[in-house]
Amino acid sequence: WFDTATAERVSVVVRPAGPRHDPPCPDLLGDATIAYTGTAGRFLDDQNEFPLNDISSFDVRVTKRLRRVLATLDLLNVTGDDYEELGFALTDFGGRPVPYYFPGHGFAARVGFELRF
């Protein structure tokens, strides 16, 4: 449960079972990190007239080192949760407040490589 206007991020690092020097099977995937982000009770404006969607998403990062290369695979918002990244309230021609939202990203994947010399 999340209190109003709070955010919580939890990271879990998954490593192969067994000793690192003698694993029961080859370390094919490397290290994996799973991060959970959740928020609830957010509003677009200070008067709390325009509620924002609650967020509950998971991000996954898998890294593998091959000699001097570190390969990284990121899977963002694996659950594909729809949410508003940010926004603000504008007034229309009649002077009434109207919400204006910027949507957050959906599911996304990215790959990165780091070279060490």
C-alpha atoms as a PDB file:
ATOM      1  CA  TRP A   1       0.000   0.000   0.000  1.00  0.00           C
ATOM      2  CA  PHE A   2       1.331   3.413  -0.898  1.00  0.00           C
ATOM      3  CA  ASP A   3       0.481   6.559   0.970  1.00  0.00           C
ATOM      4  CA  THR A   4      -0.612   9.605  -1.006  1.00  0.00           C
ATOM      5  CA  ALA A   5       2.053  11.264  -3.107  1.00  0.00           C
ATOM      6  CA  THR A   6       4.745   8.733  -2.211  1.00  0.00           C
ATOM      7  CA  ALA A   7       6.891   6.549  -4.397  1.00  0.00           C
ATOM      8  CA  GLU A   8       8.730   3.378  -3.596  1.00  0.00           C
ATOM      9  CA  ARG A   9      11.419   1.642  -5.623  1.00  0.00           C
ATOM     10  CA  VAL A  10      12.637  -1.820  -4.706  1.00  0.00           C
ATOM     11  CA  SER A  11      15.567  -3.547  -6.423  1.00  0.00           C
ATOM     12  CA  VAL A  12      16.334  -7.254  -6.268  1.00  0.00           C
ATOM     13  CA  VAL A  13      19.585  -8.698  -7.608  1.00  0.00           C
ATOM     14  CA  VAL A  14      19.332 -12.277  -8.897  1.00  0.00           C
ATOM     15  CA  ARG A  15      22.536 -14.318  -9.029  1.00  0.00           C
ATOM     16  CA  PRO A  16      23.145 -17.962  -9.930  1.00  0.00           C
ATOM     17  CA  ALA A  17      22.855 -20.476  -7.079  1.00  0.00           C
ATOM     18  CA  GLY A  18      25.965 -22.180  -5.763  1.00  0.00           C
ATOM     19  CA  PRO A  19      29.479 -20.885  -5.277  1.00  0.00           C
ATOM     20  CA  ARG A  20      30.763 -18.416  -7.879  1.00  0.00           C
ATOM     21  CA  HIS A  21      33.913 -20.493  -8.564  1.00  0.00           C
ATOM     22  CA  ASP A  22      32.028 -23.754  -9.249  1.00  0.00           C
ATOM     23  CA  PRO A  23      28.492 -23.081 -10.544  1.00  0.00           C
ATOM     24  CA  PRO A  24      26.258 -26.091 -11.297  1.00  0.00           C
ATOM     25  CA  CYS A  25      25.767 -24.789 -14.869  1.00  0.00           C
ATOM     26  CA  PRO A  26      27.534 -22.145 -16.968  1.00  0.00           C
ATOM     27  CA  ASP A  27      26.653 -18.545 -16.161  1.00  0.00           C
ATOM     28  CA  LEU A  28      24.873 -17.769 -19.441  1.00  0.00           C
ATOM     29  CA  LEU A  29      22.862 -14.718 -18.452  1.00  0.00           C
ATOM     30  CA  GLY A  30      25.218 -12.926 -16.112  1.00  0.00           C
ATOM     31  CA  ASP A  31      23.598 -10.802 -13.399  1.00  0.00           C
ATOM     32  CA  ALA A  32      19.952  -9.742 -13.441  1.00  0.00           C
ATOM     33  CA  THR A  33      18.323  -6.885 -11.540  1.00  0.00           C
ATOM     34  CA  ILE A  34      14.568  -6.496 -11.130  1.00  0.00           C
ATOM     35  CA  ALA A  35      13.269  -3.088 -10.001  1.00  0.00           C
ATOM     36  CA  TYR A  36       9.689  -2.358  -8.930  1.00  0.00           C
ATOM     37  CA  THR A  37       8.266   1.174  -9.033  1.00  0.00           C
ATOM     38  CA  GLY A  38       4.899   1.992  -7.507  1.00  0.00           C
ATOM     39  CA  THR A  39       3.070   5.216  -6.771  1.00  0.00           C
ATOM     40  CA  ALA A  40      -0.500   5.984  -5.814  1.00  0.00           C
ATOM     41  CA  GLY A  41      -2.597   8.953  -4.760  1.00  0.00           C
ATOM     42  CA  ARG A  42      -1.022  11.424  -7.191  1.00  0.00           C
ATOM     43  CA  PHE A  43      -2.867  14.448  -8.539  1.00  0.00           C
ATOM     44  CA  LEU A  44      -2.144  16.755 -11.445  1.00  0.00           C
ATOM     45  CA  ASP A  45      -3.017  19.947  -9.607  1.00  0.00           C
ATOM     46  CA  ASP A  46      -2.733  21.351  -6.096  1.00  0.00           C
ATOM     47  CA  GLN A  47      -6.526  21.302  -5.609  1.00  0.00           C
ATOM     48  CA  ASN A  48      -6.632  17.507  -6.196  1.00  0.00           C
ATOM     49  CA  GLU A  49      -9.259  17.849  -8.932  1.00  0.00           C
ATOM     50  CA  PHE A  50      -7.443  15.736 -11.549  1.00  0.00           C
ATOM     51  CA  PRO A  51      -6.172  12.377 -10.274  1.00  0.00           C
ATOM     52  CA  LEU A  52      -3.271  10.661 -12.051  1.00  0.00           C
ATOM     53  CA  ASN A  53      -3.203   6.923 -12.712  1.00  0.00           C
ATOM     54  CA  ASP A  54      -1.419   4.762 -10.165  1.00  0.00           C
ATOM     55  CA  ILE A  55       1.873   3.259 -11.336  1.00  0.00           C
ATOM     56  CA  SER A  56       2.952  -0.311 -10.749  1.00  0.00           C
ATOM     57  CA  SER A  57       5.744  -1.338 -13.098  1.00  0.00           C
ATOM     58  CA  PHE A  58       8.761  -3.618 -13.251  1.00  0.00           C
ATOM     59  CA  ASP A  59      12.091  -2.938 -14.945  1.00  0.00           C
ATOM     60  CA  VAL A  60      14.627  -5.686 -15.660  1.00  0.00           C
ATOM     61  CA  ARG A  61      18.358  -5.303 -16.362  1.00  0.00           C
ATOM     62  CA  VAL A  62      20.571  -8.207 -17.425  1.00  0.00           C
ATOM     63  CA  THR A  63      24.332  -7.663 -17.646  1.00  0.00           C
ATOM     64  CA  LYS A  64      27.033  -9.975 -18.925  1.00  0.00           C
ATOM     65  CA  ARG A  65      30.786  -9.307 -18.967  1.00  0.00           C
ATOM     66  CA  LEU A  66      32.792 -10.874 -21.782  1.00  0.00           C
ATOM     67  CA  ARG A  67      36.461 -10.011 -21.275  1.00  0.00           C
ATOM     68  CA  ARG A  68      36.655  -6.243 -21.907  1.00  0.00           C
ATOM     69  CA  VAL A  69      33.032  -5.813 -23.009  1.00  0.00           C
ATOM     70  CA  LEU A  70      30.065  -5.336 -20.677  1.00  0.00           C
ATOM     71  CA  ALA A  71      26.764  -6.021 -22.449  1.00  0.00           C
ATOM     72  CA  THR A  72      23.537  -4.707 -20.919  1.00  0.00           C
ATOM     73  CA  LEU A  73      19.912  -5.449 -21.798  1.00  0.00           C
ATOM     74  CA  ASP A  74      17.220  -3.249 -20.200  1.00  0.00           C
ATOM     75  CA  LEU A  75      13.512  -4.080 -20.344  1.00  0.00           C
ATOM     76  CA  LEU A  76      11.545  -1.059 -19.100  1.00  0.00           C
ATOM     77  CA  ASN A  77       7.928  -1.124 -17.905  1.00  0.00           C
ATOM     78  CA  VAL A  78       7.658  -4.871 -18.526  1.00  0.00           C
ATOM     79  CA  THR A  79       4.023  -4.855 -17.383  1.00  0.00           C
ATOM     80  CA  GLY A  80       3.139  -2.159 -19.957  1.00  0.00           C
ATOM     81  CA  ASP A  81       1.363  -0.060 -17.313  1.00  0.00           C
ATOM     82  CA  ASP A  82      -0.269   3.125 -18.675  1.00  0.00           C
ATOM     83  CA  TYR A  83       0.494   6.219 -16.626  1.00  0.00           C
ATOM     84  CA  GLU A  84       1.036   9.944 -16.901  1.00  0.00           C
ATOM     85  CA  GLU A  85       4.645  11.028 -16.574  1.00  0.00           C
ATOM     86  CA  LEU A  86       3.666  14.602 -15.729  1.00  0.00           C
ATOM     87  CA  GLY A  87       1.175  17.284 -16.645  1.00  0.00           C
ATOM     88  CA  PHE A  88      -0.477  20.488 -15.580  1.00  0.00           C
ATOM     89  CA  ALA A  89      -3.863  22.169 -15.507  1.00  0.00           C
ATOM     90  CA  LEU A  90      -4.671  24.854 -18.065  1.00  0.00           C
ATOM     91  CA  THR A  91      -7.710  27.072 -18.315  1.00  0.00           C
ATOM     92  CA  ASP A  92      -9.990  26.912 -21.343  1.00  0.00           C
ATOM     93  CA  PHE A  93     -11.680  29.883 -23.010  1.00  0.00           C
ATOM     94  CA  GLY A  94     -14.429  29.786 -20.374  1.00  0.00           C
ATOM     95  CA  GLY A  95     -11.905  29.967 -17.489  1.00  0.00           C
ATOM     96  CA  ARG A  96     -12.454  26.330 -16.413  1.00  0.00           C
ATOM     97  CA  PRO A  97      -9.409  24.171 -15.551  1.00  0.00           C
ATOM     98  CA  VAL A  98      -8.584  21.486 -18.127  1.00  0.00           C
ATOM     99  CA  PRO A  99      -5.999  18.718 -17.556  1.00  0.00           C
ATOM    100  CA  TYR A 100      -3.044  18.372 -19.923  1.00  0.00           C
ATOM    101  CA  TYR A 101      -1.020  15.155 -19.575  1.00  0.00           C
ATOM    102  CA  PHE A 102       2.268  13.828 -20.910  1.00  0.00           C
ATOM    103  CA  PRO A 103       2.004  10.026 -21.115  1.00  0.00           C
ATOM    104  CA  GLY A 104       4.786   7.874 -19.706  1.00  0.00           C
ATOM    105  CA  HIS A 105       6.564   5.369 -21.879  1.00  0.00           C
ATOM    106  CA  GLY A 106       5.081   1.936 -22.467  1.00  0.00           C
ATOM    107  CA  PHE A 107       7.178  -1.188 -22.755  1.00  0.00           C
ATOM    108  CA  ALA A 108      10.657  -0.415 -24.073  1.00  0.00           C
ATOM    109  CA  ALA A 109      13.879  -2.350 -24.564  1.00  0.00           C
ATOM    110  CA  ARG A 110      17.425  -1.058 -24.962  1.00  0.00           C
ATOM    111  CA  VAL A 111      20.811  -2.652 -25.397  1.00  0.00           C
ATOM    112  CA  GLY A 112      24.128  -1.152 -24.365  1.00  0.00           C
ATOM    113  CA  PHE A 113      27.794  -2.055 -24.630  1.00  0.00           C
ATOM    114  CA  GLU A 114      30.685  -0.754 -22.549  1.00  0.00           C
ATOM    115  CA  LEU A 115      34.245  -1.249 -23.810  1.00  0.00           C
ATOM    116  CA  ARG A 116      37.169  -1.136 -21.378  1.00  0.00           C
ATOM    117  CA  PHE A 117      40.680  -0.374 -22.602  1.00  0.00           C
END
